[in-house]
Amino acid sequence: TINRRDELFAFKSANMYFSDDSGNNWSITGLPDIMHSSYYVKEETVIIGGWGFIYKSDDMGATWKRCIYAHEGSYITCFKQSINGVLFAGIKSFFPLYFNSGIICSKDNGDTWTRSGLNGNRINAIAQNSKGTLFAATHGSTDGISGYEFEGLWMSNDFGQSWTPLLGHSFETN
């Protein structure tokens, strides 16, 4: 990933690689010993997500703190910061009784997280257009309560407060 200062970050196993000269030279920083696959970088802040957690570093990976524990059966799939500064994360849960799928958000740069809709829907990706509209791609629901699934694309014009299905298909599961 690349931050706003055009610094490069690469993640592999237990290491984060950093370059501030277009990849000519790299430094290595350790990561928490966890399985990770989603990343967010802004200046010195690095946030990683994966199976059951979100970890954050405010000092380019020198120190890390766990910001959320979402159970090992939940997977943090993606991060997206909106134009109003809210940070969103998508979740796919395989054990919704412990921690349900959906979107969570942080208004304090990743320190604390709250629910932001699409609860029970497995989130694949979150994007935003230049007008501020958020989009979320889903892979069906997992809540076991709603009785239906919707796979497709959702839209929010109010920074994740409400979501409207745009395209996809729904089908009864009961």
Foldseek 3Di string as FASTA:
>chain_A
DAEPQRWDWDDDQQWIWIGNPNPPDIDIAGHPNDDWDEWDDYPQWIWTWFQFWIWIDNHNRNDIDTQGGQHRQKTFQYWDAFPVGKIKTFIDGPDVVRHWTAMWIDNPSRNYIDGQDPTQWHWNDWDADPLRKIKTATDWGHNVPPQKTWGGMWIDPPNRNDIDGDDTDMDGDD
